[in-house]
């Protein structure tokens, strides 16, 4: 992987705050104009670390997904849903997730990467409930609704789908 491109922008209006954001393949770090070059190096390093940590939280690995699913099952389903695997997949263009109850496998669409963690948690929860109830009947939805942000997450995904011009399914 090539080294990261960092652009430092100094501002005479900026007195104390330092911030950073990604702009395509480049990272922009905003600094006060009077900061020393030594402090600049430290702040740039610190801000790159913060951005990387934030991105890791928003783009969990398969192992992170499995761990999160276990936590959600324990907290909201009394540990009854026990997936054998939870992983990201690239081949789901019309679903946010899918589940094979016979094998205990859960697949989460990579289109969810970067979405808020509570939305990813909702999709995981939805698929965990399918390990217990295969259909979308009243019992299914009652279990899904144990997740406190279920309605909010459904609204988020519906809005996202509308903005993208497509109807999505879990």
N, C-alpha and C. Protein backbone atom coordinates (compact mmCIF):
# COMPACT_ATOMS: atom_id res chain seq x y z
N UNK A 1 0.85 -1.17 0.00
CA UNK A 1 0.00 0.00 0.00
C UNK A 1 0.89 1.24 0.00
N UNK A 2 0.62 2.21 -0.88
CA UNK A 2 1.45 3.41 -0.92
C UNK A 2 1.25 4.25 0.33
N UNK A 3 2.25 5.10 0.65
CA UNK A 3 2.10 5.93 1.84
C UNK A 3 0.90 6.87 1.69
N UNK A 4 0.32 7.21 2.81
CA UNK A 4 -0.86 8.06 2.84
C UNK A 4 -0.50 9.49 2.46
N UNK A 5 -1.34 10.13 1.66
CA UNK A 5 -1.13 11.53 1.30
C UNK A 5 -1.83 12.39 2.35
N UNK A 6 -1.06 13.29 2.95
CA UNK A 6 -1.60 14.17 3.99
C UNK A 6 -1.37 15.61 3.54
N UNK A 7 -2.43 16.38 3.60
CA UNK A 7 -2.32 17.81 3.31
C UNK A 7 -2.60 18.56 4.62
N UNK A 8 -1.64 19.40 5.04
CA UNK A 8 -1.81 20.19 6.25
C UNK A 8 -2.25 21.59 5.84
N UNK A 9 -3.33 22.03 6.44
CA UNK A 9 -3.83 23.38 6.19
C UNK A 9 -3.80 24.15 7.50
N UNK A 10 -3.10 25.28 7.49
CA UNK A 10 -3.01 26.13 8.68
C UNK A 10 -3.95 27.31 8.50
N UNK A 11 -4.53 27.74 9.62
CA UNK A 11 -5.45 28.86 9.59
C UNK A 11 -5.14 29.82 10.73
N UNK A 12 -5.08 31.11 10.41
CA UNK A 12 -4.84 32.11 11.46
C UNK A 12 -6.08 32.28 12.32
N UNK A 13 -7.24 31.91 11.81
CA UNK A 13 -8.48 31.98 12.61
C UNK A 13 -8.56 30.84 13.62
N UNK A 14 -7.93 29.74 13.33
CA UNK A 14 -7.96 28.56 14.20
C UNK A 14 -6.97 28.81 15.33
N UNK A 15 -7.44 28.80 16.56
CA UNK A 15 -6.59 29.10 17.71
C UNK A 15 -6.13 27.85 18.47
N UNK A 16 -7.06 26.95 18.75
CA UNK A 16 -6.72 25.78 19.58
C UNK A 16 -7.07 24.45 18.96
N UNK A 17 -8.08 24.43 18.15
CA UNK A 17 -8.60 23.14 17.68
C UNK A 17 -7.79 22.58 16.51
N UNK A 18 -7.74 21.27 16.48
CA UNK A 18 -7.14 20.53 15.38
C UNK A 18 -8.19 19.54 14.91
N UNK A 19 -8.35 19.42 13.61
CA UNK A 19 -9.31 18.44 13.08
C UNK A 19 -8.74 17.82 11.82
N UNK A 20 -9.36 16.72 11.41
CA UNK A 20 -8.90 16.02 10.22
C UNK A 20 -10.08 15.30 9.58
N UNK A 21 -9.98 15.14 8.27
CA UNK A 21 -11.00 14.39 7.54
C UNK A 21 -10.38 13.82 6.28
N UNK A 22 -11.07 12.82 5.72
CA UNK A 22 -10.63 12.20 4.48
C UNK A 22 -11.33 12.91 3.31
N UNK A 23 -10.57 13.14 2.26
CA UNK A 23 -11.10 13.70 1.03
C UNK A 23 -10.58 12.81 -0.10
N UNK A 24 -11.35 11.79 -0.43
CA UNK A 24 -10.89 10.80 -1.40
C UNK A 24 -9.72 10.03 -0.83
N UNK A 25 -8.61 10.03 -1.55
CA UNK A 25 -7.40 9.30 -1.13
C UNK A 25 -6.49 10.16 -0.25
N UNK A 26 -6.91 11.37 0.04
CA UNK A 26 -6.07 12.31 0.77
C UNK A 26 -6.68 12.59 2.15
N UNK A 27 -5.82 12.83 3.13
CA UNK A 27 -6.27 13.24 4.46
C UNK A 27 -5.91 14.71 4.65
N UNK A 28 -6.89 15.49 5.05
CA UNK A 28 -6.70 16.91 5.29
C UNK A 28 -6.64 17.11 6.81
N UNK A 29 -5.57 17.75 7.29
CA UNK A 29 -5.43 18.06 8.71
C UNK A 29 -5.44 19.57 8.85
N UNK A 30 -6.35 20.07 9.67
CA UNK A 30 -6.52 21.51 9.87
C UNK A 30 -5.89 21.90 11.21
N UNK A 31 -4.92 22.83 11.16
CA UNK A 31 -4.14 23.21 12.34
C UNK A 31 -4.15 24.73 12.54
N UNK A 32 -3.93 25.18 13.79
CA UNK A 32 -3.73 26.61 14.02
C UNK A 32 -2.43 27.07 13.35
N UNK A 33 -2.41 28.28 12.84
CA UNK A 33 -1.24 28.79 12.12
C UNK A 33 0.00 28.86 13.00
N UNK A 34 -0.14 29.14 14.27
CA UNK A 34 1.01 29.33 15.15
C UNK A 34 1.61 28.07 15.73
N UNK A 35 1.17 26.91 15.32
CA UNK A 35 1.68 25.65 15.87
C UNK A 35 3.10 25.38 15.36
N UNK A 36 3.97 24.91 16.25
CA UNK A 36 5.35 24.60 15.85
C UNK A 36 5.39 23.38 14.94
N UNK A 37 6.49 23.20 14.22
CA UNK A 37 6.61 22.04 13.32
C UNK A 37 6.65 20.74 14.11
N UNK A 38 7.23 20.75 15.30
CA UNK A 38 7.24 19.55 16.16
C UNK A 38 5.82 19.20 16.57
N UNK A 39 5.07 20.22 17.01
CA UNK A 39 3.67 19.98 17.39
C UNK A 39 2.85 19.53 16.18
N UNK A 40 3.15 20.09 15.02
CA UNK A 40 2.45 19.70 13.80
C UNK A 40 2.63 18.21 13.54
N UNK A 41 3.86 17.72 13.62
CA UNK A 41 4.12 16.29 13.40
C UNK A 41 3.34 15.43 14.37
N UNK A 42 3.35 15.84 15.65
CA UNK A 42 2.62 15.06 16.66
C UNK A 42 1.12 15.06 16.40
N UNK A 43 0.58 16.24 16.04
CA UNK A 43 -0.85 16.32 15.79
C UNK A 43 -1.25 15.56 14.53
N UNK A 44 -0.45 15.63 13.49
CA UNK A 44 -0.77 14.89 12.28
C UNK A 44 -0.80 13.39 12.59
N UNK A 45 0.20 12.89 13.30
CA UNK A 45 0.24 11.47 13.67
C UNK A 45 -0.99 11.11 14.51
N UNK A 46 -1.30 11.95 15.50
CA UNK A 46 -2.44 11.69 16.39
C UNK A 46 -3.75 11.66 15.60
N UNK A 47 -3.91 12.61 14.68
CA UNK A 47 -5.16 12.67 13.91
C UNK A 47 -5.28 11.50 12.93
N UNK A 48 -4.17 11.07 12.35
CA UNK A 48 -4.21 9.89 11.48
C UNK A 48 -4.60 8.65 12.27
N UNK A 49 -4.06 8.52 13.49
CA UNK A 49 -4.43 7.39 14.35
C UNK A 49 -5.91 7.43 14.71
N UNK A 50 -6.42 8.63 15.03
CA UNK A 50 -7.84 8.77 15.38
C UNK A 50 -8.74 8.40 14.21
N UNK A 51 -8.39 8.89 13.03
CA UNK A 51 -9.19 8.55 11.84
C UNK A 51 -9.17 7.06 11.57
N UNK A 52 -8.00 6.44 11.70
CA UNK A 52 -7.89 4.99 11.46
C UNK A 52 -8.75 4.21 12.47
N UNK A 53 -8.72 4.63 13.74
CA UNK A 53 -9.52 3.96 14.76
C UNK A 53 -11.01 4.12 14.48
N UNK A 54 -11.40 5.31 14.08
CA UNK A 54 -12.81 5.56 13.75
C UNK A 54 -13.25 4.71 12.57
N UNK A 55 -12.41 4.63 11.55
CA UNK A 55 -12.74 3.82 10.38
C UNK A 55 -12.81 2.34 10.73
N UNK A 56 -11.95 1.88 11.61
CA UNK A 56 -11.99 0.47 12.03
C UNK A 56 -13.30 0.16 12.75
N UNK A 57 -13.74 1.10 13.59
CA UNK A 57 -15.02 0.89 14.28
C UNK A 57 -16.17 0.84 13.28
N UNK A 58 -16.09 1.62 12.22
CA UNK A 58 -17.17 1.66 11.23
C UNK A 58 -17.05 0.57 10.18
N UNK A 59 -15.91 -0.13 10.13
CA UNK A 59 -15.70 -1.20 9.15
C UNK A 59 -15.18 -2.45 9.85
N UNK A 60 -16.03 -3.06 10.68
CA UNK A 60 -15.56 -4.22 11.44
C UNK A 60 -15.20 -5.40 10.55
N UNK A 61 -14.29 -6.24 11.04
CA UNK A 61 -13.89 -7.46 10.34
C UNK A 61 -14.95 -8.55 10.55
N UNK A 62 -14.77 -9.69 9.87
CA UNK A 62 -15.66 -10.83 10.09
C UNK A 62 -15.63 -11.26 11.56
N UNK A 63 -14.45 -11.29 12.15
CA UNK A 63 -14.34 -11.66 13.57
C UNK A 63 -15.09 -10.67 14.45
N UNK A 64 -14.98 -9.38 14.12
CA UNK A 64 -15.71 -8.36 14.88
C UNK A 64 -17.22 -8.56 14.74
N UNK A 65 -17.67 -8.90 13.52
CA UNK A 65 -19.10 -9.16 13.30
C UNK A 65 -19.58 -10.34 14.15
N UNK A 66 -18.78 -11.41 14.16
CA UNK A 66 -19.17 -12.59 14.95
C UNK A 66 -19.25 -12.24 16.43
N UNK A 67 -18.27 -11.49 16.91
CA UNK A 67 -18.26 -11.08 18.32
C UNK A 67 -19.48 -10.21 18.63
N UNK A 68 -19.78 -9.29 17.72
CA UNK A 68 -20.93 -8.40 17.92
C UNK A 68 -22.22 -9.21 17.92
N UNK A 69 -22.33 -10.18 17.03
CA UNK A 69 -23.52 -11.03 16.98
C UNK A 69 -23.69 -11.80 18.29
N UNK A 70 -22.60 -12.29 18.82
CA UNK A 70 -22.66 -13.02 20.10
C UNK A 70 -23.14 -12.11 21.22
N UNK A 71 -22.64 -10.87 21.23
CA UNK A 71 -23.06 -9.90 22.25
C UNK A 71 -24.54 -9.57 22.12
N UNK A 72 -25.00 -9.35 20.89
CA UNK A 72 -26.41 -9.03 20.66
C UNK A 72 -27.31 -10.20 21.05
N UNK A 73 -26.91 -11.42 20.71
CA UNK A 73 -27.70 -12.60 21.06
C UNK A 73 -27.80 -12.76 22.57
N UNK A 74 -26.68 -12.53 23.26
CA UNK A 74 -26.69 -12.64 24.72
C UNK A 74 -27.58 -11.57 25.35
N UNK A 75 -27.46 -10.35 24.86
CA UNK A 75 -28.18 -9.23 25.46
C UNK A 75 -29.67 -9.25 25.17
N UNK A 76 -30.06 -9.54 23.93
CA UNK A 76 -31.46 -9.37 23.54
C UNK A 76 -32.22 -10.67 23.27
N UNK A 77 -31.49 -11.79 23.14
CA UNK A 77 -32.16 -13.06 22.84
C UNK A 77 -31.82 -14.14 23.85
N UNK A 78 -31.38 -13.74 25.02
CA UNK A 78 -31.02 -14.68 26.10
C UNK A 78 -30.03 -15.74 25.64
N UNK A 79 -29.20 -15.40 24.66
CA UNK A 79 -28.17 -16.32 24.18
C UNK A 79 -28.70 -17.49 23.37
N UNK A 80 -29.98 -17.45 23.00
CA UNK A 80 -30.57 -18.58 22.28
C UNK A 80 -30.12 -18.69 20.84
N UNK A 81 -29.81 -17.57 20.20
CA UNK A 81 -29.34 -17.60 18.81
C UNK A 81 -27.83 -17.78 18.83
N UNK A 82 -27.35 -18.86 18.21
CA UNK A 82 -25.93 -19.17 18.21
C UNK A 82 -25.44 -19.38 16.78
N UNK A 83 -24.99 -18.31 16.14
CA UNK A 83 -24.52 -18.47 14.75
C UNK A 83 -23.20 -19.24 14.71
N UNK A 84 -23.02 -20.01 13.64
CA UNK A 84 -21.73 -20.70 13.45
C UNK A 84 -20.73 -19.77 12.78
N UNK A 85 -21.24 -18.82 11.99
CA UNK A 85 -20.37 -17.81 11.38
C UNK A 85 -21.18 -16.57 11.03
N UNK A 86 -20.49 -15.44 11.05
CA UNK A 86 -21.06 -14.17 10.62
C UNK A 86 -19.97 -13.51 9.80
N UNK A 87 -20.29 -13.19 8.54
CA UNK A 87 -19.24 -12.64 7.68
C UNK A 87 -19.81 -11.66 6.67
N UNK A 88 -18.92 -10.80 6.17
CA UNK A 88 -19.25 -9.86 5.11
C UNK A 88 -19.28 -10.60 3.78
N UNK A 89 -20.20 -10.21 2.90
CA UNK A 89 -20.23 -10.77 1.55
C UNK A 89 -20.47 -9.64 0.54
N UNK A 90 -19.90 -9.80 -0.64
CA UNK A 90 -20.02 -8.81 -1.71
C UNK A 90 -21.18 -9.08 -2.66
N UNK A 91 -21.79 -10.24 -2.59
CA UNK A 91 -22.75 -10.65 -3.62
C UNK A 91 -24.21 -10.34 -3.26
N UNK A 92 -24.46 -9.52 -2.27
CA UNK A 92 -25.84 -9.18 -1.92
C UNK A 92 -26.14 -7.75 -2.36
N UNK A 93 -26.79 -7.63 -3.49
CA UNK A 93 -27.10 -6.31 -4.02
C UNK A 93 -28.51 -5.85 -3.68
N UNK A 94 -29.36 -6.76 -3.24
CA UNK A 94 -30.76 -6.41 -2.94
C UNK A 94 -31.16 -6.76 -1.52
N UNK A 95 -30.25 -7.24 -0.74
CA UNK A 95 -30.52 -7.58 0.66
C UNK A 95 -29.43 -6.98 1.52
N UNK A 96 -29.78 -6.67 2.75
CA UNK A 96 -28.78 -6.17 3.70
C UNK A 96 -28.08 -7.33 4.39
N UNK A 97 -28.78 -8.45 4.50
CA UNK A 97 -28.20 -9.62 5.13
C UNK A 97 -29.00 -10.85 4.78
N UNK A 98 -28.44 -12.00 5.09
CA UNK A 98 -29.16 -13.25 4.87
C UNK A 98 -28.67 -14.27 5.90
N UNK A 99 -29.47 -15.30 6.05
CA UNK A 99 -29.20 -16.30 7.08
C UNK A 99 -29.60 -17.67 6.56
N UNK A 100 -28.81 -18.67 6.89
CA UNK A 100 -29.17 -20.06 6.62
C UNK A 100 -29.31 -20.75 7.97
N UNK A 101 -30.55 -20.84 8.49
CA UNK A 101 -30.75 -21.39 9.83
C UNK A 101 -30.21 -22.81 10.01
N UNK A 102 -30.31 -23.65 8.95
CA UNK A 102 -29.84 -25.03 9.07
C UNK A 102 -28.35 -25.11 9.37
N UNK A 103 -27.58 -24.15 8.85
CA UNK A 103 -26.14 -24.15 9.07
C UNK A 103 -25.70 -23.12 10.11
N UNK A 104 -26.60 -22.22 10.49
CA UNK A 104 -26.26 -21.19 11.46
C UNK A 104 -25.38 -20.09 10.90
N UNK A 105 -25.39 -19.94 9.57
CA UNK A 105 -24.52 -18.94 8.95
C UNK A 105 -25.29 -17.65 8.68
N UNK A 106 -24.62 -16.54 8.94
CA UNK A 106 -25.18 -15.21 8.68
C UNK A 106 -24.22 -14.49 7.76
N UNK A 107 -24.79 -13.86 6.73
CA UNK A 107 -24.00 -13.08 5.79
C UNK A 107 -24.53 -11.65 5.80
N UNK A 108 -23.62 -10.70 5.88
CA UNK A 108 -23.97 -9.28 5.93
C UNK A 108 -23.39 -8.61 4.69
N UNK A 109 -24.23 -7.85 3.99
CA UNK A 109 -23.79 -7.19 2.77
C UNK A 109 -22.71 -6.14 3.07
N UNK A 110 -21.67 -6.12 2.25
CA UNK A 110 -20.61 -5.13 2.40
C UNK A 110 -21.13 -3.72 2.14
N UNK A 111 -22.33 -3.59 1.57
CA UNK A 111 -22.91 -2.27 1.37
C UNK A 111 -23.19 -1.59 2.71
N UNK A 112 -23.23 -2.35 3.80
CA UNK A 112 -23.46 -1.78 5.13
C UNK A 112 -22.18 -1.21 5.76
N UNK A 113 -21.03 -1.55 5.18
CA UNK A 113 -19.77 -1.04 5.74
C UNK A 113 -19.79 0.48 5.72
N UNK A 114 -19.42 1.06 6.83
CA UNK A 114 -19.40 2.51 6.93
C UNK A 114 -20.71 3.10 7.45
N UNK A 115 -21.76 2.29 7.51
CA UNK A 115 -23.02 2.79 8.09
C UNK A 115 -22.87 2.81 9.60
N UNK A 116 -23.73 3.55 10.29
CA UNK A 116 -23.64 3.60 11.75
C UNK A 116 -23.71 2.19 12.36
N UNK A 117 -22.98 2.01 13.45
CA UNK A 117 -22.91 0.67 14.07
C UNK A 117 -24.27 0.17 14.51
N UNK A 118 -25.17 1.06 14.95
CA UNK A 118 -26.49 0.63 15.40
C UNK A 118 -27.33 0.10 14.22
N UNK A 119 -27.03 0.53 13.01
CA UNK A 119 -27.73 0.01 11.83
C UNK A 119 -27.19 -1.38 11.50
N UNK A 120 -25.88 -1.55 11.53
CA UNK A 120 -25.29 -2.87 11.31
C UNK A 120 -25.78 -3.84 12.38
N UNK A 121 -25.83 -3.36 13.64
CA UNK A 121 -26.34 -4.21 14.73
C UNK A 121 -27.77 -4.66 14.46
N UNK A 122 -28.59 -3.75 13.94
CA UNK A 122 -29.97 -4.12 13.64
C UNK A 122 -30.03 -5.24 12.60
N UNK A 123 -29.23 -5.14 11.54
CA UNK A 123 -29.24 -6.17 10.50
C UNK A 123 -28.75 -7.49 11.09
N UNK A 124 -27.71 -7.43 11.91
CA UNK A 124 -27.23 -8.65 12.58
C UNK A 124 -28.34 -9.24 13.44
N UNK A 125 -29.01 -8.39 14.20
CA UNK A 125 -30.10 -8.84 15.08
C UNK A 125 -31.21 -9.49 14.25
N UNK A 126 -31.57 -8.87 13.14
CA UNK A 126 -32.60 -9.42 12.26
C UNK A 126 -32.22 -10.84 11.83
N UNK A 127 -30.97 -11.01 11.43
CA UNK A 127 -30.53 -12.33 10.97
C UNK A 127 -30.40 -13.31 12.13
N UNK A 128 -30.01 -12.84 13.30
CA UNK A 128 -29.96 -13.73 14.48
C UNK A 128 -31.34 -14.29 14.79
N UNK A 129 -32.36 -13.43 14.69
CA UNK A 129 -33.72 -13.89 14.97
C UNK A 129 -34.14 -14.95 13.96
N UNK A 130 -33.65 -14.87 12.73
CA UNK A 130 -33.95 -15.91 11.74
C UNK A 130 -33.39 -17.27 12.16
N UNK A 131 -32.37 -17.30 13.00
CA UNK A 131 -31.88 -18.59 13.51
C UNK A 131 -32.92 -19.23 14.42
N UNK A 132 -33.80 -18.41 14.99
CA UNK A 132 -34.85 -18.91 15.90
C UNK A 132 -36.21 -19.03 15.20
N UNK A 133 -36.51 -18.07 14.32
CA UNK A 133 -37.79 -18.03 13.63
C UNK A 133 -37.52 -17.74 12.15
N UNK A 134 -37.66 -18.74 11.27
CA UNK A 134 -37.30 -18.55 9.86
C UNK A 134 -38.17 -17.54 9.10
N UNK A 135 -39.44 -17.41 9.47
CA UNK A 135 -40.35 -16.54 8.71
C UNK A 135 -40.40 -15.13 9.30
N UNK A 136 -41.15 -14.24 8.64
CA UNK A 136 -41.30 -12.86 9.11
C UNK A 136 -42.68 -12.65 9.76
N UNK A 137 -43.09 -13.57 10.60
CA UNK A 137 -44.39 -13.45 11.27
C UNK A 137 -44.30 -12.58 12.52
N UNK A 138 -45.42 -12.49 13.24
CA UNK A 138 -45.47 -11.64 14.44
C UNK A 138 -44.44 -12.03 15.51
N UNK A 139 -44.18 -13.31 15.69
CA UNK A 139 -43.18 -13.75 16.68
C UNK A 139 -41.79 -13.26 16.29
N UNK A 140 -41.49 -13.34 14.98
CA UNK A 140 -40.21 -12.86 14.47
C UNK A 140 -40.03 -11.39 14.81
N UNK A 141 -41.01 -10.55 14.42
CA UNK A 141 -40.87 -9.11 14.62
C UNK A 141 -40.85 -8.73 16.09
N UNK A 142 -41.55 -9.49 16.92
CA UNK A 142 -41.51 -9.22 18.36
C UNK A 142 -40.10 -9.44 18.91
N UNK A 143 -39.41 -10.47 18.43
CA UNK A 143 -38.03 -10.72 18.87
C UNK A 143 -37.07 -9.67 18.31
N UNK A 144 -37.24 -9.29 17.05
CA UNK A 144 -36.38 -8.25 16.46
C UNK A 144 -36.53 -6.97 17.26
N UNK A 145 -37.76 -6.66 17.68
CA UNK A 145 -38.02 -5.42 18.40
C UNK A 145 -37.44 -5.39 19.82
N UNK A 146 -36.82 -6.49 20.26
CA UNK A 146 -36.07 -6.44 21.52
C UNK A 146 -34.87 -5.52 21.38
N UNK A 147 -34.39 -5.36 20.14
CA UNK A 147 -33.28 -4.44 19.89
C UNK A 147 -33.86 -3.02 19.96
N UNK A 148 -33.36 -2.19 20.88
CA UNK A 148 -33.99 -0.89 21.14
C UNK A 148 -34.00 0.09 19.95
N UNK A 149 -33.09 -0.05 19.03
CA UNK A 149 -33.04 0.88 17.89
C UNK A 149 -33.58 0.24 16.61
N UNK A 150 -34.40 -0.80 16.76
CA UNK A 150 -34.91 -1.52 15.58
C UNK A 150 -35.71 -0.60 14.66
N UNK A 151 -36.66 0.12 15.21
CA UNK A 151 -37.51 0.97 14.37
C UNK A 151 -36.68 2.08 13.72
N UNK A 152 -35.79 2.66 14.48
CA UNK A 152 -34.92 3.73 13.95
C UNK A 152 -34.05 3.20 12.81
N UNK A 153 -33.48 2.01 13.00
CA UNK A 153 -32.61 1.41 11.98
C UNK A 153 -33.40 1.05 10.72
N UNK A 154 -34.61 0.53 10.90
CA UNK A 154 -35.45 0.23 9.73
C UNK A 154 -35.72 1.51 8.94
N UNK A 155 -36.03 2.58 9.66
CA UNK A 155 -36.26 3.86 9.00
C UNK A 155 -35.02 4.35 8.26
N UNK A 156 -33.85 4.19 8.89
CA UNK A 156 -32.60 4.60 8.26
C UNK A 156 -32.39 3.83 6.97
N UNK A 157 -32.56 2.51 7.02
CA UNK A 157 -32.34 1.68 5.84
C UNK A 157 -33.38 1.96 4.75
N UNK A 158 -34.62 2.21 5.15
CA UNK A 158 -35.64 2.56 4.16
C UNK A 158 -35.29 3.88 3.49
N UNK A 159 -34.87 4.87 4.27
CA UNK A 159 -34.47 6.15 3.72
C UNK A 159 -33.27 6.02 2.79
N UNK A 160 -32.31 5.21 3.21
CA UNK A 160 -31.12 4.98 2.38
C UNK A 160 -31.53 4.34 1.05
N UNK A 161 -32.40 3.36 1.14
CA UNK A 161 -32.87 2.66 -0.07
C UNK A 161 -33.63 3.60 -0.98
N UNK A 162 -34.48 4.43 -0.41
CA UNK A 162 -35.24 5.40 -1.22
C UNK A 162 -34.28 6.37 -1.93
N UNK A 163 -33.28 6.83 -1.20
CA UNK A 163 -32.33 7.77 -1.79
C UNK A 163 -31.55 7.10 -2.92
N UNK A 164 -31.28 5.81 -2.77
CA UNK A 164 -30.56 5.06 -3.79
C UNK A 164 -31.48 4.60 -4.92
N UNK A 165 -32.80 4.75 -4.71
CA UNK A 165 -33.75 4.37 -5.75
C UNK A 165 -34.00 2.88 -5.85
N UNK A 166 -33.87 2.16 -4.74
CA UNK A 166 -34.07 0.72 -4.77
C UNK A 166 -34.78 0.26 -3.51
N UNK A 167 -35.54 -0.80 -3.63
CA UNK A 167 -36.18 -1.41 -2.47
C UNK A 167 -35.25 -2.50 -1.96
N UNK A 168 -35.00 -2.51 -0.67
CA UNK A 168 -34.06 -3.47 -0.08
C UNK A 168 -34.79 -4.42 0.84
N UNK A 169 -34.21 -5.57 1.08
CA UNK A 169 -34.74 -6.55 2.01
C UNK A 169 -33.63 -6.97 2.95
N UNK A 170 -34.02 -7.47 4.12
CA UNK A 170 -33.04 -8.04 5.04
C UNK A 170 -32.82 -9.48 4.72
